[in-house]
Amino acid sequence: MIILGILATLVIGVLGTAIGYEMNAPSLGSVLAIATMGGFIMAEIRRNK
């Protein structure tokens, strides 16, 4: 699950940056990557409870 989270975060970060440059928002990739990793962390916390 950890490797899946890392790979998904990297891919979404790169794609978000590419889309963000087209929309004149280059920090979009960082925001999407942080949100993705937060989702994986929340899912892991919920699964362990």
C-alpha atoms as a PDB file:
ATOM      1  CA  MET A   1       0.000   0.000   0.000  1.00  0.00           C
ATOM      2  CA  ILE A   2       2.904   2.347   0.730  1.00  0.00           C
ATOM      3  CA  ILE A   3       4.454   1.909  -2.705  1.00  0.00           C
ATOM      4  CA  LEU A   4       1.068   2.427  -4.368  1.00  0.00           C
ATOM      5  CA  GLY A   5       0.622   5.658  -2.420  1.00  0.00           C
ATOM      6  CA  ILE A   6       4.055   6.929  -3.394  1.00  0.00           C
ATOM      7  CA  LEU A   7       3.593   6.103  -7.076  1.00  0.00           C
ATOM      8  CA  ALA A   8       0.104   7.577  -7.201  1.00  0.00           C
ATOM      9  CA  THR A   9       1.329  10.751  -5.502  1.00  0.00           C
ATOM     10  CA  LEU A  10       4.211  11.150  -7.950  1.00  0.00           C
ATOM     11  CA  VAL A  11       2.042  10.564 -11.005  1.00  0.00           C
ATOM     12  CA  ILE A  12      -0.691  12.929  -9.842  1.00  0.00           C
ATOM     13  CA  GLY A  13       1.909  15.541  -8.902  1.00  0.00           C
ATOM     14  CA  VAL A  14       3.520  15.430 -12.353  1.00  0.00           C
ATOM     15  CA  LEU A  15       0.192  15.454 -14.178  1.00  0.00           C
ATOM     16  CA  GLY A  16      -1.095  18.252 -11.953  1.00  0.00           C
ATOM     17  CA  THR A  17       1.988  20.326 -12.682  1.00  0.00           C
ATOM     18  CA  ALA A  18       1.600  19.790 -16.427  1.00  0.00           C
ATOM     19  CA  ILE A  19      -2.067  20.766 -16.307  1.00  0.00           C
ATOM     20  CA  GLY A  20      -1.292  23.635 -13.935  1.00  0.00           C
ATOM     21  CA  TYR A  21       1.176  25.224 -16.341  1.00  0.00           C
ATOM     22  CA  GLU A  22      -1.515  25.236 -19.014  1.00  0.00           C
ATOM     23  CA  MET A  23      -3.939  26.895 -16.573  1.00  0.00           C
ATOM     24  CA  ASN A  24      -1.293  29.389 -15.329  1.00  0.00           C
ATOM     25  CA  ALA A  25      -1.243  27.706 -11.892  1.00  0.00           C
ATOM     26  CA  PRO A  26       2.131  25.904 -11.623  1.00  0.00           C
ATOM     27  CA  SER A  27       1.619  24.950  -7.968  1.00  0.00           C
ATOM     28  CA  LEU A  28      -1.412  22.800  -8.826  1.00  0.00           C
ATOM     29  CA  GLY A  29       0.752  19.665  -8.913  1.00  0.00           C
ATOM     30  CA  SER A  30       1.966  20.208  -5.354  1.00  0.00           C
ATOM     31  CA  VAL A  31      -1.542  20.776  -4.067  1.00  0.00           C
ATOM     32  CA  LEU A  32      -2.890  17.653  -5.767  1.00  0.00           C
ATOM     33  CA  ALA A  33       0.060  15.549  -4.561  1.00  0.00           C
ATOM     34  CA  ILE A  34      -0.450  16.643  -0.958  1.00  0.00           C
ATOM     35  CA  ALA A  35      -4.183  15.968  -1.184  1.00  0.00           C
ATOM     36  CA  THR A  36      -3.530  12.513  -2.641  1.00  0.00           C
ATOM     37  CA  MET A  37      -1.061  11.551   0.069  1.00  0.00           C
ATOM     38  CA  GLY A  38      -3.465  12.903   2.701  1.00  0.00           C
ATOM     39  CA  GLY A  39      -6.162  10.639   1.303  1.00  0.00           C
ATOM     40  CA  PHE A  40      -3.882   7.614   1.532  1.00  0.00           C
ATOM     41  CA  ILE A  41      -2.924   8.512   5.104  1.00  0.00           C
ATOM     42  CA  MET A  42      -6.563   8.945   6.137  1.00  0.00           C
ATOM     43  CA  ALA A  43      -7.484   5.605   4.538  1.00  0.00           C
ATOM     44  CA  GLU A  44      -4.659   3.888   6.407  1.00  0.00           C
ATOM     45  CA  ILE A  45      -5.701   5.437   9.729  1.00  0.00           C
ATOM     46  CA  ARG A  46      -9.323   4.413   9.164  1.00  0.00           C
ATOM     47  CA  ARG A  47      -8.276   0.881   8.209  1.00  0.00           C
ATOM     48  CA  ASN A  48      -6.170   0.460  11.374  1.00  0.00           C
ATOM     49  CA  LYS A  49      -8.966   1.562  13.724  1.00  0.00           C
END
